[in-house]
């Protein structure tokens, strides 16, 4: 299973854009604490709800999966590893975060 849960602070203003397919993509960087300091994690969220309004400094919980994608830029193949969010919630929404984590725990336990 490819499941990621991150809690951290938005370290750059989210970039919202519409793709040629009509989907909306919200991209931002999330700074998370690590045992040696902090890590900046790129996050991509496809078709977030219109109510998803976040800004630099907001503390959020992201659930999703890790994805590595390849693309061409300047005639060379580039790679990027990012978290594709399924859900982004404010960390202060403790009940909502607890429900989400409970559903993830159940999916890991299996039938």
N, C-alpha and C. Protein backbone atom coordinates (compact mmCIF):
# COMPACT_ATOMS: atom_id res chain seq x y z
N UNK A 1 0.83 -1.18 0.00
CA UNK A 1 0.00 0.00 0.00
C UNK A 1 0.87 1.24 0.00
N UNK A 2 0.44 2.25 -0.71
CA UNK A 2 1.15 3.51 -0.81
C UNK A 2 0.32 4.57 -0.09
N UNK A 3 0.56 4.75 1.19
CA UNK A 3 -0.21 5.71 2.00
C UNK A 3 0.76 6.65 2.70
N UNK A 4 0.48 7.94 2.60
CA UNK A 4 1.30 8.96 3.24
C UNK A 4 0.41 9.82 4.13
N UNK A 5 0.91 10.12 5.32
CA UNK A 5 0.27 11.09 6.20
C UNK A 5 1.35 12.07 6.63
N UNK A 6 1.13 13.35 6.37
CA UNK A 6 2.08 14.39 6.74
C UNK A 6 1.37 15.47 7.54
N UNK A 7 2.06 16.00 8.53
CA UNK A 7 1.58 17.19 9.23
C UNK A 7 2.70 18.20 9.18
N UNK A 8 2.36 19.40 8.75
CA UNK A 8 3.38 20.43 8.64
C UNK A 8 2.77 21.78 8.34
N UNK A 9 3.65 22.70 7.94
CA UNK A 9 3.27 24.09 7.69
C UNK A 9 3.53 24.42 6.23
N UNK A 10 2.56 25.08 5.59
CA UNK A 10 2.76 25.51 4.21
C UNK A 10 3.90 26.51 4.17
N UNK A 11 4.90 26.23 3.34
CA UNK A 11 6.07 27.09 3.28
C UNK A 11 6.10 27.97 2.04
N UNK A 12 5.11 27.83 1.17
CA UNK A 12 4.96 28.77 0.05
C UNK A 12 3.48 28.87 -0.30
N UNK A 13 3.12 29.97 -0.91
CA UNK A 13 1.73 30.19 -1.29
C UNK A 13 1.30 29.12 -2.28
N UNK A 14 0.16 28.48 -2.04
CA UNK A 14 -0.32 27.46 -2.98
C UNK A 14 -0.55 28.06 -4.37
N UNK A 15 -0.19 27.28 -5.38
CA UNK A 15 -0.36 27.68 -6.78
C UNK A 15 -1.54 26.89 -7.33
N UNK A 16 -2.62 27.59 -7.68
CA UNK A 16 -3.82 26.95 -8.22
C UNK A 16 -3.88 27.24 -9.72
N UNK A 17 -4.01 26.16 -10.52
CA UNK A 17 -4.13 26.37 -11.96
C UNK A 17 -5.06 25.33 -12.57
N UNK A 18 -5.64 25.73 -13.69
CA UNK A 18 -6.53 24.82 -14.42
C UNK A 18 -5.72 24.14 -15.51
N UNK A 19 -5.85 22.82 -15.59
CA UNK A 19 -5.14 22.03 -16.59
C UNK A 19 -5.95 21.96 -17.88
N UNK A 20 -5.30 21.57 -18.97
CA UNK A 20 -5.97 21.46 -20.26
C UNK A 20 -7.17 20.50 -20.19
N UNK A 21 -7.09 19.53 -19.30
CA UNK A 21 -8.17 18.54 -19.14
C UNK A 21 -9.39 19.12 -18.45
N UNK A 22 -9.24 20.32 -17.88
CA UNK A 22 -10.33 20.93 -17.11
C UNK A 22 -10.19 20.72 -15.62
N UNK A 23 -9.29 19.83 -15.21
CA UNK A 23 -9.04 19.60 -13.79
C UNK A 23 -8.32 20.80 -13.19
N UNK A 24 -8.46 20.96 -11.90
CA UNK A 24 -7.75 22.01 -11.17
C UNK A 24 -6.62 21.35 -10.38
N UNK A 25 -5.45 21.97 -10.39
CA UNK A 25 -4.29 21.47 -9.65
C UNK A 25 -3.86 22.53 -8.65
N UNK A 26 -3.75 22.13 -7.39
CA UNK A 26 -3.24 23.00 -6.34
C UNK A 26 -1.90 22.42 -5.91
N UNK A 27 -0.83 23.20 -6.02
CA UNK A 27 0.51 22.74 -5.62
C UNK A 27 1.06 23.64 -4.53
N UNK A 28 1.71 23.03 -3.55
CA UNK A 28 2.34 23.78 -2.48
C UNK A 28 3.46 22.95 -1.87
N UNK A 29 4.30 23.60 -1.08
CA UNK A 29 5.35 22.92 -0.34
C UNK A 29 4.96 22.89 1.13
N UNK A 30 5.19 21.74 1.75
CA UNK A 30 4.87 21.55 3.15
C UNK A 30 6.16 21.29 3.91
N UNK A 31 6.43 22.07 4.93
CA UNK A 31 7.61 21.86 5.76
C UNK A 31 7.21 21.01 6.96
N UNK A 32 7.89 19.88 7.10
CA UNK A 32 7.59 18.94 8.18
C UNK A 32 8.82 18.76 9.05
N UNK A 33 8.63 18.59 10.35
CA UNK A 33 9.79 18.35 11.22
C UNK A 33 10.36 16.95 10.99
N UNK A 34 11.67 16.83 11.10
CA UNK A 34 12.35 15.54 11.01
C UNK A 34 13.29 15.41 12.20
N UNK A 35 13.90 14.26 12.34
CA UNK A 35 14.82 14.05 13.46
C UNK A 35 16.07 14.91 13.33
N UNK A 36 16.36 15.40 12.13
CA UNK A 36 17.56 16.22 11.92
C UNK A 36 17.23 17.67 11.58
N UNK A 37 15.99 18.07 11.74
CA UNK A 37 15.61 19.45 11.43
C UNK A 37 14.25 19.53 10.78
N UNK A 38 14.25 19.79 9.46
CA UNK A 38 12.99 19.91 8.73
C UNK A 38 13.18 19.47 7.29
N UNK A 39 12.08 19.06 6.67
CA UNK A 39 12.10 18.66 5.26
C UNK A 39 10.99 19.41 4.54
N UNK A 40 11.26 19.81 3.31
CA UNK A 40 10.26 20.45 2.48
C UNK A 40 9.72 19.41 1.51
N UNK A 41 8.41 19.20 1.52
CA UNK A 41 7.79 18.16 0.72
C UNK A 41 6.85 18.81 -0.30
N UNK A 42 7.07 18.57 -1.60
CA UNK A 42 6.14 19.10 -2.60
C UNK A 42 4.84 18.29 -2.60
N UNK A 43 3.71 19.00 -2.65
CA UNK A 43 2.39 18.37 -2.62
C UNK A 43 1.60 18.83 -3.83
N UNK A 44 0.93 17.89 -4.48
CA UNK A 44 0.02 18.18 -5.59
C UNK A 44 -1.36 17.66 -5.21
N UNK A 45 -2.38 18.52 -5.35
CA UNK A 45 -3.74 18.14 -5.00
C UNK A 45 -4.63 18.42 -6.20
N UNK A 46 -5.16 17.36 -6.80
CA UNK A 46 -6.00 17.49 -7.98
C UNK A 46 -7.46 17.68 -7.57
N UNK A 47 -8.10 18.64 -8.21
CA UNK A 47 -9.52 18.94 -8.01
C UNK A 47 -9.91 19.12 -6.54
N UNK A 48 -9.19 20.03 -5.85
CA UNK A 48 -9.59 20.31 -4.46
C UNK A 48 -10.94 21.01 -4.46
N UNK A 49 -11.68 20.92 -3.36
CA UNK A 49 -12.96 21.63 -3.31
C UNK A 49 -12.72 23.15 -3.34
N UNK A 50 -13.68 23.90 -3.86
CA UNK A 50 -13.52 25.36 -3.92
C UNK A 50 -13.25 25.98 -2.55
N UNK A 51 -13.70 25.33 -1.50
CA UNK A 51 -13.51 25.86 -0.14
C UNK A 51 -12.07 25.69 0.36
N UNK A 52 -11.23 24.99 -0.39
CA UNK A 52 -9.85 24.74 0.04
C UNK A 52 -9.02 26.01 -0.16
N UNK A 53 -8.94 26.80 0.88
CA UNK A 53 -8.19 28.05 0.85
C UNK A 53 -7.11 27.99 1.93
N UNK A 54 -5.85 27.95 1.51
CA UNK A 54 -4.74 27.86 2.45
C UNK A 54 -3.73 28.94 2.11
N UNK A 55 -2.90 29.29 3.09
CA UNK A 55 -1.88 30.31 2.89
C UNK A 55 -0.60 29.90 3.62
N UNK A 56 0.47 30.60 3.31
CA UNK A 56 1.75 30.35 3.95
C UNK A 56 1.57 30.41 5.47
N UNK A 57 2.15 29.45 6.17
CA UNK A 57 2.08 29.41 7.62
C UNK A 57 0.95 28.58 8.18
N UNK A 58 -0.02 28.20 7.32
CA UNK A 58 -1.11 27.35 7.80
C UNK A 58 -0.59 25.96 8.13
N UNK A 59 -1.02 25.43 9.27
CA UNK A 59 -0.65 24.06 9.65
C UNK A 59 -1.74 23.11 9.15
N UNK A 60 -1.32 22.12 8.36
CA UNK A 60 -2.29 21.20 7.75
C UNK A 60 -1.84 19.75 7.93
N UNK A 61 -2.79 18.85 7.72
CA UNK A 61 -2.52 17.41 7.66
C UNK A 61 -2.89 16.97 6.25
N UNK A 62 -1.94 16.31 5.58
CA UNK A 62 -2.13 15.83 4.21
C UNK A 62 -2.15 14.32 4.24
N UNK A 63 -3.14 13.72 3.59
CA UNK A 63 -3.15 12.27 3.37
C UNK A 63 -3.16 12.04 1.87
N UNK A 64 -2.40 11.04 1.44
CA UNK A 64 -2.32 10.76 0.01
C UNK A 64 -1.34 9.65 -0.27
N UNK A 65 -0.63 9.79 -1.40
CA UNK A 65 0.34 8.77 -1.80
C UNK A 65 1.56 9.42 -2.45
N UNK A 66 2.67 8.71 -2.43
CA UNK A 66 3.90 9.19 -3.06
C UNK A 66 3.87 8.83 -4.53
N UNK A 67 4.27 9.79 -5.36
CA UNK A 67 4.33 9.55 -6.80
C UNK A 67 5.62 10.15 -7.35
N UNK A 68 6.24 9.42 -8.23
CA UNK A 68 7.41 9.92 -8.95
C UNK A 68 6.98 10.09 -10.40
N UNK A 69 7.17 11.30 -10.92
CA UNK A 69 6.78 11.53 -12.31
C UNK A 69 7.98 11.99 -13.12
N UNK A 70 7.90 11.73 -14.41
CA UNK A 70 8.95 12.08 -15.34
C UNK A 70 8.38 13.04 -16.37
N UNK A 71 9.18 14.03 -16.77
CA UNK A 71 8.73 14.99 -17.77
C UNK A 71 9.94 15.53 -18.52
N UNK A 72 9.68 16.13 -19.68
CA UNK A 72 10.75 16.70 -20.49
C UNK A 72 10.81 18.20 -20.24
N UNK A 73 12.01 18.69 -20.05
CA UNK A 73 12.22 20.12 -19.85
C UNK A 73 13.59 20.48 -20.41
N UNK A 74 13.62 21.44 -21.32
CA UNK A 74 14.90 21.85 -21.90
C UNK A 74 15.59 20.73 -22.65
N UNK A 75 14.82 19.83 -23.23
CA UNK A 75 15.39 18.73 -24.00
C UNK A 75 15.90 17.57 -23.17
N UNK A 76 15.73 17.64 -21.86
CA UNK A 76 16.21 16.56 -21.00
C UNK A 76 15.05 16.00 -20.18
N UNK A 77 15.17 14.74 -19.82
CA UNK A 77 14.17 14.12 -18.96
C UNK A 77 14.45 14.50 -17.51
N UNK A 78 13.42 15.00 -16.86
CA UNK A 78 13.51 15.40 -15.46
C UNK A 78 12.63 14.47 -14.63
N UNK A 79 12.89 14.41 -13.35
CA UNK A 79 12.06 13.60 -12.45
C UNK A 79 11.72 14.42 -11.21
N UNK A 80 10.56 14.13 -10.65
CA UNK A 80 10.13 14.82 -9.43
C UNK A 80 9.35 13.82 -8.58
N UNK A 81 9.68 13.76 -7.32
CA UNK A 81 8.94 12.94 -6.38
C UNK A 81 8.10 13.88 -5.54
N UNK A 82 6.81 13.57 -5.44
CA UNK A 82 5.90 14.44 -4.71
C UNK A 82 4.82 13.61 -4.03
N UNK A 83 4.10 14.25 -3.15
CA UNK A 83 2.94 13.62 -2.53
C UNK A 83 1.70 14.10 -3.29
N UNK A 84 0.91 13.15 -3.77
CA UNK A 84 -0.37 13.48 -4.40
C UNK A 84 -1.42 13.36 -3.30
N UNK A 85 -1.98 14.50 -2.93
CA UNK A 85 -2.92 14.55 -1.82
C UNK A 85 -4.28 14.02 -2.23
N UNK A 86 -4.87 13.25 -1.35
CA UNK A 86 -6.27 12.86 -1.50
C UNK A 86 -7.14 13.79 -0.67
N UNK A 87 -6.55 14.30 0.43
CA UNK A 87 -7.27 15.19 1.32
C UNK A 87 -6.27 16.07 2.07
N UNK A 88 -6.60 17.34 2.19
CA UNK A 88 -5.80 18.28 2.99
C UNK A 88 -6.76 18.93 3.98
N UNK A 89 -6.40 18.86 5.25
CA UNK A 89 -7.25 19.43 6.31
C UNK A 89 -6.41 20.30 7.22
N UNK A 90 -7.02 21.32 7.76
CA UNK A 90 -6.33 22.12 8.78
C UNK A 90 -6.06 21.24 10.00
N UNK A 91 -4.87 21.34 10.54
CA UNK A 91 -4.51 20.53 11.71
C UNK A 91 -5.40 20.87 12.90
N UNK A 92 -5.93 22.07 12.94
CA UNK A 92 -6.80 22.47 14.04
C UNK A 92 -8.17 21.78 13.99
N UNK A 93 -8.50 21.16 12.85
CA UNK A 93 -9.76 20.41 12.71
C UNK A 93 -9.53 19.00 13.25
N UNK A 94 -9.36 18.89 14.55
CA UNK A 94 -8.95 17.62 15.17
C UNK A 94 -9.95 16.49 14.93
N UNK A 95 -11.24 16.79 14.97
CA UNK A 95 -12.24 15.73 14.75
C UNK A 95 -12.17 15.21 13.31
N UNK A 96 -12.04 16.11 12.36
CA UNK A 96 -11.94 15.71 10.96
C UNK A 96 -10.69 14.90 10.69
N UNK A 97 -9.57 15.34 11.26
CA UNK A 97 -8.31 14.61 11.10
C UNK A 97 -8.42 13.23 11.74
N UNK A 98 -9.02 13.15 12.93
CA UNK A 98 -9.18 11.86 13.62
C UNK A 98 -10.03 10.90 12.78
N UNK A 99 -11.12 11.41 12.17
CA UNK A 99 -11.95 10.56 11.30
C UNK A 99 -11.15 10.03 10.12
N UNK A 100 -10.39 10.92 9.48
CA UNK A 100 -9.58 10.52 8.33
C UNK A 100 -8.56 9.46 8.72
N UNK A 101 -7.87 9.67 9.83
CA UNK A 101 -6.87 8.70 10.27
C UNK A 101 -7.53 7.37 10.66
N UNK A 102 -8.72 7.42 11.22
CA UNK A 102 -9.45 6.20 11.54
C UNK A 102 -9.78 5.40 10.29
N UNK A 103 -10.22 6.09 9.23
CA UNK A 103 -10.51 5.39 7.97
C UNK A 103 -9.24 4.77 7.38
N UNK A 104 -8.12 5.50 7.47
CA UNK A 104 -6.86 4.94 6.97
C UNK A 104 -6.45 3.71 7.77
N UNK A 105 -6.60 3.79 9.08
CA UNK A 105 -6.26 2.66 9.95
C UNK A 105 -7.10 1.43 9.58
N UNK A 106 -8.39 1.64 9.33
CA UNK A 106 -9.26 0.53 8.94
C UNK A 106 -8.84 -0.06 7.60
N UNK A 107 -8.45 0.79 6.66
CA UNK A 107 -8.03 0.26 5.35
C UNK A 107 -6.73 -0.53 5.46
N UNK A 108 -5.87 -0.16 6.39
CA UNK A 108 -4.63 -0.90 6.60
C UNK A 108 -4.89 -2.25 7.28
N UNK A 109 -5.90 -2.29 8.13
CA UNK A 109 -6.21 -3.53 8.85
C UNK A 109 -6.81 -4.57 7.92
N UNK A 110 -7.44 -4.12 6.84
CA UNK A 110 -8.04 -5.06 5.89
C UNK A 110 -9.35 -5.63 6.39
N UNK A 111 -9.92 -6.53 5.58
CA UNK A 111 -11.22 -7.12 5.94
C UNK A 111 -11.13 -8.10 7.09
